[in-house]
Amino acid sequence: MSMAIQFDTLRFVERLKHAGVPEAHAKAEAEALAVALAESSSGVYATKDDVTSLKLDMVDVRSEIKLLKWMQATVLAGVLSLVIKTFFV
């Protein structure tokens, strides 16, 4: 069971303004924090489909990182071969 979190946005905005934060910025921060608190206490959790989707995204990221490593190694080998040819041959 989730409980609603009490959050006084006006008091939060006033504290930020007192600390020198511009009013528009303070209001935006208060709204963002209120939304984050509401979402965190809503009791909505990641589903199995969400986790599966995230795992698939991670596989894509890993394959892209692997490709970038190979590309970096190829470029490094090319540069080293040019340096060796220039100075040692």
N, C-alpha and C. Protein backbone atom coordinates (compact mmCIF):
# COMPACT_ATOMS: atom_id res chain seq x y z
N MET A 1 0.85 -1.17 0.00
CA MET A 1 0.00 0.00 0.00
C MET A 1 0.90 1.24 0.00
N SER A 2 0.62 2.18 -0.90
CA SER A 2 1.45 3.37 -0.97
C SER A 2 0.73 4.55 -0.32
N MET A 3 1.52 5.40 0.29
CA MET A 3 0.98 6.60 0.91
C MET A 3 1.32 7.80 0.06
N ALA A 4 0.42 8.75 0.03
CA ALA A 4 0.70 9.99 -0.68
C ALA A 4 1.72 10.80 0.12
N ILE A 5 2.65 11.36 -0.58
CA ILE A 5 3.67 12.18 0.08
C ILE A 5 3.19 13.63 0.07
N GLN A 6 3.16 14.23 1.24
CA GLN A 6 2.77 15.63 1.35
C GLN A 6 3.94 16.51 0.95
N PHE A 7 3.70 17.40 0.00
CA PHE A 7 4.76 18.27 -0.49
C PHE A 7 4.19 19.66 -0.72
N ASP A 8 4.69 20.62 0.02
CA ASP A 8 4.22 22.00 -0.07
C ASP A 8 5.04 22.73 -1.14
N THR A 9 4.48 22.80 -2.35
CA THR A 9 5.22 23.41 -3.46
C THR A 9 5.44 24.90 -3.24
N LEU A 10 4.45 25.59 -2.66
CA LEU A 10 4.61 27.03 -2.43
C LEU A 10 5.77 27.30 -1.47
N ARG A 11 5.83 26.54 -0.40
CA ARG A 11 6.92 26.72 0.57
C ARG A 11 8.27 26.41 -0.08
N PHE A 12 8.30 25.38 -0.92
CA PHE A 12 9.52 25.01 -1.63
C PHE A 12 9.97 26.15 -2.55
N VAL A 13 9.02 26.72 -3.30
CA VAL A 13 9.33 27.83 -4.20
C VAL A 13 9.84 29.02 -3.42
N GLU A 14 9.18 29.33 -2.31
CA GLU A 14 9.60 30.47 -1.49
C GLU A 14 11.02 30.28 -0.94
N ARG A 15 11.35 29.06 -0.53
CA ARG A 15 12.71 28.79 -0.03
C ARG A 15 13.74 28.98 -1.13
N LEU A 16 13.42 28.49 -2.32
CA LEU A 16 14.37 28.65 -3.42
C LEU A 16 14.53 30.12 -3.80
N LYS A 17 13.42 30.86 -3.84
CA LYS A 17 13.51 32.28 -4.16
C LYS A 17 14.33 33.02 -3.11
N HIS A 18 14.15 32.67 -1.85
CA HIS A 18 14.92 33.28 -0.77
C HIS A 18 16.42 32.99 -0.91
N ALA A 19 16.74 31.84 -1.49
CA ALA A 19 18.14 31.47 -1.69
C ALA A 19 18.73 32.08 -2.96
N GLY A 20 17.92 32.83 -3.71
CA GLY A 20 18.43 33.52 -4.89
C GLY A 20 18.10 32.87 -6.22
N VAL A 21 17.27 31.84 -6.21
CA VAL A 21 16.87 31.18 -7.45
C VAL A 21 15.76 32.01 -8.10
N PRO A 22 15.85 32.25 -9.41
CA PRO A 22 14.78 33.00 -10.08
C PRO A 22 13.43 32.29 -9.93
N GLU A 23 12.35 33.06 -9.88
CA GLU A 23 11.03 32.51 -9.61
C GLU A 23 10.60 31.45 -10.62
N ALA A 24 10.85 31.70 -11.91
CA ALA A 24 10.45 30.74 -12.94
C ALA A 24 11.19 29.42 -12.75
N HIS A 25 12.46 29.50 -12.42
CA HIS A 25 13.27 28.30 -12.18
C HIS A 25 12.76 27.56 -10.95
N ALA A 26 12.46 28.31 -9.90
CA ALA A 26 11.97 27.70 -8.66
C ALA A 26 10.64 26.98 -8.89
N LYS A 27 9.74 27.60 -9.67
CA LYS A 27 8.45 26.98 -9.95
C LYS A 27 8.64 25.70 -10.77
N ALA A 28 9.55 25.73 -11.74
CA ALA A 28 9.80 24.54 -12.56
C ALA A 28 10.37 23.41 -11.71
N GLU A 29 11.28 23.74 -10.80
CA GLU A 29 11.85 22.72 -9.92
C GLU A 29 10.78 22.12 -9.01
N ALA A 30 9.91 22.98 -8.47
CA ALA A 30 8.86 22.49 -7.58
C ALA A 30 7.91 21.57 -8.33
N GLU A 31 7.55 21.93 -9.55
CA GLU A 31 6.65 21.09 -10.34
C GLU A 31 7.31 19.75 -10.67
N ALA A 32 8.57 19.78 -11.07
CA ALA A 32 9.27 18.54 -11.41
C ALA A 32 9.39 17.64 -10.19
N LEU A 33 9.70 18.22 -9.04
CA LEU A 33 9.82 17.42 -7.82
C LEU A 33 8.47 16.85 -7.40
N ALA A 34 7.41 17.63 -7.54
CA ALA A 34 6.07 17.14 -7.18
C ALA A 34 5.68 15.96 -8.07
N VAL A 35 5.98 16.05 -9.35
CA VAL A 35 5.67 14.95 -10.28
C VAL A 35 6.49 13.71 -9.92
N ALA A 36 7.77 13.89 -9.64
CA ALA A 36 8.64 12.76 -9.29
C ALA A 36 8.17 12.08 -8.01
N LEU A 37 7.79 12.87 -7.02
CA LEU A 37 7.30 12.30 -5.77
C LEU A 37 5.98 11.55 -5.97
N ALA A 38 5.11 12.11 -6.78
CA ALA A 38 3.83 11.45 -7.05
C ALA A 38 4.04 10.12 -7.78
N GLU A 39 4.95 10.12 -8.74
CA GLU A 39 5.21 8.89 -9.48
C GLU A 39 5.88 7.84 -8.60
N SER A 40 6.76 8.28 -7.72
CA SER A 40 7.47 7.31 -6.88
C SER A 40 6.56 6.69 -5.83
N SER A 41 5.51 7.37 -5.47
CA SER A 41 4.60 6.83 -4.45
C SER A 41 3.33 6.25 -5.06
N SER A 42 3.26 6.19 -6.38
CA SER A 42 2.03 5.73 -7.02
C SER A 42 1.85 4.22 -6.97
N GLY A 43 2.91 3.50 -6.67
CA GLY A 43 2.80 2.04 -6.61
C GLY A 43 2.92 1.38 -7.97
N VAL A 44 3.26 2.15 -8.99
CA VAL A 44 3.44 1.59 -10.32
C VAL A 44 4.89 1.16 -10.45
N TYR A 45 5.07 -0.11 -10.76
CA TYR A 45 6.41 -0.66 -10.86
C TYR A 45 6.66 -1.15 -12.28
N ALA A 46 7.91 -1.42 -12.57
CA ALA A 46 8.26 -1.95 -13.88
C ALA A 46 7.66 -3.34 -14.04
N THR A 47 7.13 -3.59 -15.22
CA THR A 47 6.56 -4.90 -15.51
C THR A 47 7.62 -5.79 -16.14
N LYS A 48 7.28 -7.05 -16.32
CA LYS A 48 8.21 -7.99 -16.94
C LYS A 48 8.52 -7.54 -18.37
N ASP A 49 7.53 -7.00 -19.06
CA ASP A 49 7.74 -6.51 -20.42
C ASP A 49 8.71 -5.33 -20.44
N ASP A 50 8.61 -4.46 -19.42
CA ASP A 50 9.54 -3.33 -19.32
C ASP A 50 10.97 -3.82 -19.17
N VAL A 51 11.16 -4.80 -18.32
CA VAL A 51 12.49 -5.34 -18.06
C VAL A 51 13.03 -6.04 -19.31
N THR A 52 12.18 -6.79 -19.99
CA THR A 52 12.59 -7.47 -21.21
C THR A 52 12.99 -6.46 -22.28
N SER A 53 12.23 -5.40 -22.41
CA SER A 53 12.55 -4.35 -23.37
C SER A 53 13.88 -3.71 -23.04
N LEU A 54 14.12 -3.47 -21.76
CA LEU A 54 15.39 -2.87 -21.34
C LEU A 54 16.55 -3.80 -21.65
N LYS A 55 16.36 -5.10 -21.43
CA LYS A 55 17.42 -6.06 -21.73
C LYS A 55 17.74 -6.06 -23.22
N LEU A 56 16.71 -5.98 -24.06
CA LEU A 56 16.94 -5.93 -25.51
C LEU A 56 17.69 -4.67 -25.90
N ASP A 57 17.35 -3.56 -25.27
CA ASP A 57 18.07 -2.31 -25.54
C ASP A 57 19.53 -2.43 -25.12
N MET A 58 19.78 -3.10 -24.01
CA MET A 58 21.16 -3.28 -23.54
C MET A 58 21.97 -4.13 -24.51
N VAL A 59 21.33 -5.14 -25.10
CA VAL A 59 22.02 -5.97 -26.09
C VAL A 59 22.43 -5.12 -27.28
N ASP A 60 21.55 -4.23 -27.72
CA ASP A 60 21.88 -3.34 -28.83
C ASP A 60 23.05 -2.43 -28.48
N VAL A 61 23.03 -1.89 -27.28
CA VAL A 61 24.11 -1.00 -26.84
C VAL A 61 25.43 -1.76 -26.77
N ARG A 62 25.40 -2.98 -26.24
CA ARG A 62 26.63 -3.77 -26.15
C ARG A 62 27.20 -4.06 -27.53
N SER A 63 26.33 -4.38 -28.49
CA SER A 63 26.83 -4.68 -29.83
C SER A 63 27.43 -3.43 -30.48
N GLU A 64 26.83 -2.27 -30.22
CA GLU A 64 27.38 -1.03 -30.76
C GLU A 64 28.73 -0.69 -30.11
N ILE A 65 28.86 -0.95 -28.83
CA ILE A 65 30.14 -0.71 -28.15
C ILE A 65 31.21 -1.63 -28.70
N LYS A 66 30.85 -2.88 -28.95
CA LYS A 66 31.80 -3.84 -29.52
C LYS A 66 32.28 -3.37 -30.89
N LEU A 67 31.34 -2.90 -31.71
CA LEU A 67 31.69 -2.38 -33.03
C LEU A 67 32.63 -1.18 -32.92
N LEU A 68 32.33 -0.27 -31.99
CA LEU A 68 33.19 0.90 -31.80
C LEU A 68 34.59 0.51 -31.36
N LYS A 69 34.71 -0.52 -30.52
CA LYS A 69 36.03 -0.98 -30.10
C LYS A 69 36.82 -1.50 -31.29
N TRP A 70 36.17 -2.27 -32.16
CA TRP A 70 36.86 -2.77 -33.34
C TRP A 70 37.28 -1.64 -34.27
N MET A 71 36.41 -0.66 -34.43
CA MET A 71 36.74 0.48 -35.28
C MET A 71 37.92 1.25 -34.71
N GLN A 72 37.94 1.44 -33.40
CA GLN A 72 39.03 2.15 -32.75
C GLN A 72 40.34 1.38 -32.92
N ALA A 73 40.29 0.07 -32.77
CA ALA A 73 41.49 -0.74 -32.92
C ALA A 73 42.01 -0.67 -34.35
N THR A 74 41.11 -0.67 -35.33
CA THR A 74 41.51 -0.58 -36.73
C THR A 74 42.19 0.75 -37.02
N VAL A 75 41.60 1.83 -36.53
CA VAL A 75 42.19 3.16 -36.74
C VAL A 75 43.55 3.25 -36.06
N LEU A 76 43.65 2.75 -34.84
CA LEU A 76 44.92 2.76 -34.12
C LEU A 76 45.99 1.97 -34.87
N ALA A 77 45.62 0.81 -35.40
CA ALA A 77 46.58 0.00 -36.16
C ALA A 77 47.03 0.74 -37.41
N GLY A 78 46.12 1.43 -38.09
CA GLY A 78 46.48 2.21 -39.27
C GLY A 78 47.43 3.34 -38.95
N VAL A 79 47.15 4.06 -37.87
CA VAL A 79 48.01 5.17 -37.47
C VAL A 79 49.39 4.65 -37.07
N LEU A 80 49.43 3.57 -36.32
CA LEU A 80 50.72 3.00 -35.92
C LEU A 80 51.52 2.53 -37.13
N SER A 81 50.84 1.93 -38.11
CA SER A 81 51.57 1.49 -39.30
C SER A 81 52.15 2.67 -40.06
N LEU A 82 51.42 3.79 -40.12
CA LEU A 82 51.94 4.99 -40.78
C LEU A 82 53.12 5.58 -40.03
N VAL A 83 53.05 5.61 -38.70
CA VAL A 83 54.15 6.14 -37.89
C VAL A 83 55.38 5.27 -38.07
N ILE A 84 55.20 3.97 -38.01
CA ILE A 84 56.35 3.06 -38.17
C ILE A 84 56.95 3.20 -39.57
N LYS A 85 56.11 3.28 -40.58
CA LYS A 85 56.61 3.41 -41.95
C LYS A 85 57.35 4.73 -42.12
N THR A 86 56.84 5.80 -41.51
CA THR A 86 57.45 7.12 -41.66
C THR A 86 58.80 7.21 -40.97
N PHE A 87 58.90 6.70 -39.74
CA PHE A 87 60.10 6.91 -38.96
C PHE A 87 61.09 5.74 -38.95
N PHE A 88 60.67 4.56 -39.30
CA PHE A 88 61.52 3.40 -39.12
C PHE A 88 61.81 2.65 -40.41
N VAL A 89 61.20 3.01 -41.50
CA VAL A 89 61.45 2.26 -42.75
C VAL A 89 62.09 3.15 -43.76
